[in-house]
């Protein structure tokens, strides 16, 4: 026989701990393990993602791309981790967004105890593992998660300029192209 319990006047953005015990004509049973219920909701999706090539000594470094996002609203339950999903390109349908924790692990807290809000991706890894070509722009989405669940995907970073490797100028000489 199932029973329902409704916690009246629950406080928003709070966790409640419950234990359940059964009782019948023979007495009281063993208490259950503790269940933690949150009155929060899934977090909002990060609103803005940027991807840029860093500038070192006045020159863009195309060997890496910095991707960053702002922490979204946690909606009453603290964000526990991020999923950074990179577009894995293919020739048939454009590709799909894939999480690769080896390239960007949004669940590892830094020395300050905070979750990361940025990652540094290597162009060579994007070419080898995600089928990017020279001068392609990195496309990624970020998902925020808490104990209640995960947000929807953020919008892709289509308006930022994180470029995979530099397209070097070339000259045609006698029908052959050579890189300058």
C-alpha atoms as a PDB file:
ATOM      1  CA  UNK A   1       0.000   0.000   0.000  1.00  0.00           C
ATOM      2  CA  UNK A   2       1.572   3.278  -1.114  1.00  0.00           C
ATOM      3  CA  UNK A   3       1.372   6.421   0.942  1.00  0.00           C
ATOM      4  CA  UNK A   4       2.077   9.977  -0.131  1.00  0.00           C
ATOM      5  CA  UNK A   5       3.499  12.687   2.093  1.00  0.00           C
ATOM      6  CA  UNK A   6       3.294  16.343   1.149  1.00  0.00           C
ATOM      7  CA  UNK A   7       5.586  18.765   2.962  1.00  0.00           C
ATOM      8  CA  UNK A   8       3.480  21.876   3.435  1.00  0.00           C
ATOM      9  CA  UNK A   9       5.060  25.342   3.586  1.00  0.00           C
ATOM     10  CA  UNK A  10       8.323  24.094   2.113  1.00  0.00           C
ATOM     11  CA  UNK A  11      10.966  26.792   1.854  1.00  0.00           C
ATOM     12  CA  UNK A  12      12.230  27.502  -1.686  1.00  0.00           C
ATOM     13  CA  UNK A  13      15.878  26.709  -2.408  1.00  0.00           C
ATOM     14  CA  UNK A  14      16.187  24.291   0.538  1.00  0.00           C
ATOM     15  CA  UNK A  15      17.010  20.606   0.897  1.00  0.00           C
ATOM     16  CA  UNK A  16      14.881  18.416   3.152  1.00  0.00           C
ATOM     17  CA  UNK A  17      15.975  15.063   4.591  1.00  0.00           C
ATOM     18  CA  UNK A  18      13.477  12.250   5.107  1.00  0.00           C
ATOM     19  CA  UNK A  19      13.521   8.701   6.454  1.00  0.00           C
ATOM     20  CA  UNK A  20      10.641   6.318   5.974  1.00  0.00           C
ATOM     21  CA  UNK A  21       9.449   3.607   8.348  1.00  0.00           C
ATOM     22  CA  UNK A  22       6.643   1.078   7.970  1.00  0.00           C
ATOM     23  CA  UNK A  23       4.179   0.209  10.712  1.00  0.00           C
ATOM     24  CA  UNK A  24       1.648  -2.608  10.902  1.00  0.00           C
ATOM     25  CA  UNK A  25      -0.070  -4.800  13.499  1.00  0.00           C
ATOM     26  CA  UNK A  26       3.250  -6.451  14.326  1.00  0.00           C
ATOM     27  CA  UNK A  27       5.070  -3.228  15.110  1.00  0.00           C
ATOM     28  CA  UNK A  28       7.414  -0.701  13.535  1.00  0.00           C
ATOM     29  CA  UNK A  29       9.919  -1.683  10.829  1.00  0.00           C
ATOM     30  CA  UNK A  30      13.478  -0.562  10.201  1.00  0.00           C
ATOM     31  CA  UNK A  31      14.036   3.039   9.075  1.00  0.00           C
ATOM     32  CA  UNK A  32      14.976   3.555   5.450  1.00  0.00           C
ATOM     33  CA  UNK A  33      18.139   5.251   4.281  1.00  0.00           C
ATOM     34  CA  UNK A  34      17.947   9.013   4.280  1.00  0.00           C
ATOM     35  CA  UNK A  35      16.372  10.607   1.195  1.00  0.00           C
ATOM     36  CA  UNK A  36      17.300  14.187   0.347  1.00  0.00           C
ATOM     37  CA  UNK A  37      14.703  16.178  -1.564  1.00  0.00           C
ATOM     38  CA  UNK A  38      15.425  19.654  -2.934  1.00  0.00           C
ATOM     39  CA  UNK A  39      12.850  22.360  -3.574  1.00  0.00           C
ATOM     40  CA  UNK A  40      15.085  23.767  -6.303  1.00  0.00           C
ATOM     41  CA  UNK A  41      14.776  23.319 -10.047  1.00  0.00           C
ATOM     42  CA  UNK A  42      17.176  22.473 -12.842  1.00  0.00           C
ATOM     43  CA  UNK A  43      19.550  25.377 -13.555  1.00  0.00           C
ATOM     44  CA  UNK A  44      19.061  27.718 -16.454  1.00  0.00           C
ATOM     45  CA  UNK A  45      21.236  27.192 -19.520  1.00  0.00           C
ATOM     46  CA  UNK A  46      24.337  29.407 -19.743  1.00  0.00           C
ATOM     47  CA  UNK A  47      23.309  32.406 -21.829  1.00  0.00           C
ATOM     48  CA  UNK A  48      26.559  33.359 -23.519  1.00  0.00           C
ATOM     49  CA  UNK A  49      29.524  31.296 -24.653  1.00  0.00           C
ATOM     50  CA  UNK A  50      32.642  32.854 -26.112  1.00  0.00           C
ATOM     51  CA  UNK A  51      35.531  31.267 -27.947  1.00  0.00           C
ATOM     52  CA  UNK A  52      38.651  33.210 -28.808  1.00  0.00           C
ATOM     53  CA  UNK A  53      42.244  32.666 -29.748  1.00  0.00           C
ATOM     54  CA  UNK A  54      44.521  34.277 -27.162  1.00  0.00           C
ATOM     55  CA  UNK A  55      46.849  37.095 -28.164  1.00  0.00           C
ATOM     56  CA  UNK A  56      50.473  36.544 -27.170  1.00  0.00           C
ATOM     57  CA  UNK A  57      52.990  39.339 -27.770  1.00  0.00           C
ATOM     58  CA  UNK A  58      50.541  41.056 -30.135  1.00  0.00           C
ATOM     59  CA  UNK A  59      49.931  37.955 -32.271  1.00  0.00           C
ATOM     60  CA  UNK A  60      46.949  35.598 -32.186  1.00  0.00           C
ATOM     61  CA  UNK A  61      47.824  32.086 -31.075  1.00  0.00           C
ATOM     62  CA  UNK A  62      45.816  29.751 -33.303  1.00  0.00           C
ATOM     63  CA  UNK A  63      47.186  26.611 -31.636  1.00  0.00           C
ATOM     64  CA  UNK A  64      44.678  26.998 -28.771  1.00  0.00           C
ATOM     65  CA  UNK A  65      41.148  28.267 -28.296  1.00  0.00           C
ATOM     66  CA  UNK A  66      39.812  29.655 -25.027  1.00  0.00           C
ATOM     67  CA  UNK A  67      36.130  28.874 -24.461  1.00  0.00           C
ATOM     68  CA  UNK A  68      34.288  30.582 -21.596  1.00  0.00           C
ATOM     69  CA  UNK A  69      30.775  30.998 -20.223  1.00  0.00           C
ATOM     70  CA  UNK A  70      28.990  32.787 -17.399  1.00  0.00           C
ATOM     71  CA  UNK A  71      27.410  30.849 -14.546  1.00  0.00           C
ATOM     72  CA  UNK A  72      23.646  30.714 -15.079  1.00  0.00           C
ATOM     73  CA  UNK A  73      20.928  30.909 -12.421  1.00  0.00           C
ATOM     74  CA  UNK A  74      21.047  27.781 -10.268  1.00  0.00           C
ATOM     75  CA  UNK A  75      17.285  28.029  -9.515  1.00  0.00           C
ATOM     76  CA  UNK A  76      17.608  27.020  -5.889  1.00  0.00           C
ATOM     77  CA  UNK A  77      20.012  24.094  -6.088  1.00  0.00           C
ATOM     78  CA  UNK A  78      23.755  24.773  -6.450  1.00  0.00           C
ATOM     79  CA  UNK A  79      25.360  23.869  -9.777  1.00  0.00           C
ATOM     80  CA  UNK A  80      27.351  20.658  -9.352  1.00  0.00           C
ATOM     81  CA  UNK A  81      29.036  20.488 -12.767  1.00  0.00           C
ATOM     82  CA  UNK A  82      29.050  21.662 -16.360  1.00  0.00           C
ATOM     83  CA  UNK A  83      29.042  19.620 -19.542  1.00  0.00           C
ATOM     84  CA  UNK A  84      30.980  21.232 -22.364  1.00  0.00           C
ATOM     85  CA  UNK A  85      29.917  19.713 -25.667  1.00  0.00           C
ATOM     86  CA  UNK A  86      31.955  20.347 -28.804  1.00  0.00           C
ATOM     87  CA  UNK A  87      30.551  19.964 -32.309  1.00  0.00           C
ATOM     88  CA  UNK A  88      32.001  16.778 -33.782  1.00  0.00           C
ATOM     89  CA  UNK A  89      31.827  17.392 -37.503  1.00  0.00           C
ATOM     90  CA  UNK A  90      30.878  14.835 -40.128  1.00  0.00           C
ATOM     91  CA  UNK A  91      30.134  15.048 -43.820  1.00  0.00           C
ATOM     92  CA  UNK A  92      26.528  13.837 -43.820  1.00  0.00           C
ATOM     93  CA  UNK A  93      24.540  16.023 -41.402  1.00  0.00           C
ATOM     94  CA  UNK A  94      26.934  18.635 -40.020  1.00  0.00           C
ATOM     95  CA  UNK A  95      27.697  16.698 -36.851  1.00  0.00           C
ATOM     96  CA  UNK A  96      26.570  16.436 -33.267  1.00  0.00           C
ATOM     97  CA  UNK A  97      27.643  17.970 -29.977  1.00  0.00           C
ATOM     98  CA  UNK A  98      29.787  15.593 -27.892  1.00  0.00           C
ATOM     99  CA  UNK A  99      31.222  15.907 -24.380  1.00  0.00           C
ATOM    100  CA  UNK A 100      34.917  15.024 -24.075  1.00  0.00           C
ATOM    101  CA  UNK A 101      36.115  15.354 -20.471  1.00  0.00           C
ATOM    102  CA  UNK A 102      39.727  14.849 -21.568  1.00  0.00           C
ATOM    103  CA  UNK A 103      39.552  18.148 -23.446  1.00  0.00           C
ATOM    104  CA  UNK A 104      37.298  20.100 -21.084  1.00  0.00           C
ATOM    105  CA  UNK A 105      36.091  18.704 -17.761  1.00  0.00           C
ATOM    106  CA  UNK A 106      33.403  20.951 -16.324  1.00  0.00           C
ATOM    107  CA  UNK A 107      33.137  18.885 -13.149  1.00  0.00           C
ATOM    108  CA  UNK A 108      36.640  19.450 -11.757  1.00  0.00           C
ATOM    109  CA  UNK A 109      36.781  22.197  -9.170  1.00  0.00           C
ATOM    110  CA  UNK A 110      39.773  24.490  -9.191  1.00  0.00           C
ATOM    111  CA  UNK A 111      42.144  25.217  -6.311  1.00  0.00           C
ATOM    112  CA  UNK A 112      39.695  27.921  -5.194  1.00  0.00           C
ATOM    113  CA  UNK A 113      36.932  25.293  -4.819  1.00  0.00           C
ATOM    114  CA  UNK A 114      34.869  26.703  -7.675  1.00  0.00           C
ATOM    115  CA  UNK A 115      33.720  24.997 -10.848  1.00  0.00           C
ATOM    116  CA  UNK A 116      35.456  26.098 -14.052  1.00  0.00           C
ATOM    117  CA  UNK A 117      33.847  28.723 -16.266  1.00  0.00           C
ATOM    118  CA  UNK A 118      36.396  28.292 -19.061  1.00  0.00           C
ATOM    119  CA  UNK A 119      38.508  25.710 -20.870  1.00  0.00           C
ATOM    120  CA  UNK A 120      41.545  25.837 -23.108  1.00  0.00           C
ATOM    121  CA  UNK A 121      41.272  23.575 -26.140  1.00  0.00           C
ATOM    122  CA  UNK A 122      44.157  22.631 -28.430  1.00  0.00           C
ATOM    123  CA  UNK A 123      43.613  23.010 -32.170  1.00  0.00           C
ATOM    124  CA  UNK A 124      45.462  19.755 -32.854  1.00  0.00           C
ATOM    125  CA  UNK A 125      42.989  17.861 -30.632  1.00  0.00           C
ATOM    126  CA  UNK A 126      40.029  19.464 -32.394  1.00  0.00           C
ATOM    127  CA  UNK A 127      41.460  18.400 -35.756  1.00  0.00           C
ATOM    128  CA  UNK A 128      42.301  14.862 -34.626  1.00  0.00           C
ATOM    129  CA  UNK A 129      39.241  14.091 -32.484  1.00  0.00           C
ATOM    130  CA  UNK A 130      36.453  16.320 -33.812  1.00  0.00           C
ATOM    131  CA  UNK A 131      37.200  16.501 -37.571  1.00  0.00           C
ATOM    132  CA  UNK A 132      37.922  20.238 -37.633  1.00  0.00           C
ATOM    133  CA  UNK A 133      39.999  21.630 -40.467  1.00  0.00           C
ATOM    134  CA  UNK A 134      42.343  24.607 -40.596  1.00  0.00           C
ATOM    135  CA  UNK A 135      40.438  27.926 -40.260  1.00  0.00           C
ATOM    136  CA  UNK A 136      37.221  26.252 -38.990  1.00  0.00           C
ATOM    137  CA  UNK A 137      35.493  28.108 -36.182  1.00  0.00           C
ATOM    138  CA  UNK A 138      34.959  26.149 -32.967  1.00  0.00           C
ATOM    139  CA  UNK A 139      31.307  25.485 -32.140  1.00  0.00           C
ATOM    140  CA  UNK A 140      30.327  24.365 -28.648  1.00  0.00           C
ATOM    141  CA  UNK A 141      27.433  24.367 -26.187  1.00  0.00           C
ATOM    142  CA  UNK A 142      27.454  24.219 -22.389  1.00  0.00           C
ATOM    143  CA  UNK A 143      24.979  22.486 -20.056  1.00  0.00           C
ATOM    144  CA  UNK A 144      24.716  23.331 -16.337  1.00  0.00           C
ATOM    145  CA  UNK A 145      23.699  20.575 -13.890  1.00  0.00           C
ATOM    146  CA  UNK A 146      22.620  20.438 -10.256  1.00  0.00           C
ATOM    147  CA  UNK A 147      21.079  17.773  -7.988  1.00  0.00           C
ATOM    148  CA  UNK A 148      17.666  18.287  -9.596  1.00  0.00           C
ATOM    149  CA  UNK A 149      18.864  17.789 -13.187  1.00  0.00           C
ATOM    150  CA  UNK A 150      20.581  19.465 -16.112  1.00  0.00           C
ATOM    151  CA  UNK A 151      19.679  22.543 -18.127  1.00  0.00           C
ATOM    152  CA  UNK A 152      19.023  22.455 -21.820  1.00  0.00           C
ATOM    153  CA  UNK A 153      21.989  23.140 -24.119  1.00  0.00           C
ATOM    154  CA  UNK A 154      23.102  26.738 -24.290  1.00  0.00           C
ATOM    155  CA  UNK A 155      22.974  28.416 -27.650  1.00  0.00           C
ATOM    156  CA  UNK A 156      26.077  27.606 -29.730  1.00  0.00           C
ATOM    157  CA  UNK A 157      28.817  30.221 -29.811  1.00  0.00           C
ATOM    158  CA  UNK A 158      28.187  31.169 -33.457  1.00  0.00           C
ATOM    159  CA  UNK A 159      29.134  34.852 -33.077  1.00  0.00           C
ATOM    160  CA  UNK A 160      32.585  34.398 -31.553  1.00  0.00           C
ATOM    161  CA  UNK A 161      35.838  33.806 -33.376  1.00  0.00           C
ATOM    162  CA  UNK A 162      37.706  30.852 -31.876  1.00  0.00           C
ATOM    163  CA  UNK A 163      39.532  29.552 -34.956  1.00  0.00           C
ATOM    164  CA  UNK A 164      41.246  26.172 -35.345  1.00  0.00           C
ATOM    165  CA  UNK A 165      44.767  26.827 -36.616  1.00  0.00           C
ATOM    166  CA  UNK A 166      45.716  29.662 -38.903  1.00  0.00           C
ATOM    167  CA  UNK A 167      45.050  29.612 -42.626  1.00  0.00           C
ATOM    168  CA  UNK A 168      48.429  30.680 -43.957  1.00  0.00           C
ATOM    169  CA  UNK A 169      48.602  32.660 -47.196  1.00  0.00           C
ATOM    170  CA  UNK A 170      49.973  30.845 -50.211  1.00  0.00           C
ATOM    171  CA  UNK A 171      51.277  31.719 -53.674  1.00  0.00           C
ATOM    172  CA  UNK A 172      50.749  29.793 -56.903  1.00  0.00           C
ATOM    173  CA  UNK A 173      54.110  29.138 -58.546  1.00  0.00           C
ATOM    174  CA  UNK A 174      54.104  27.247 -61.813  1.00  0.00           C
ATOM    175  CA  UNK A 175      50.735  25.641 -61.013  1.00  0.00           C
ATOM    176  CA  UNK A 176      51.809  24.482 -57.544  1.00  0.00           C
ATOM    177  CA  UNK A 177      50.781  26.208 -54.372  1.00  0.00           C
ATOM    178  CA  UNK A 178      53.354  26.890 -51.715  1.00  0.00           C
ATOM    179  CA  UNK A 179      52.798  28.237 -48.190  1.00  0.00           C
ATOM    180  CA  UNK A 180      54.397  31.565 -47.360  1.00  0.00           C
END
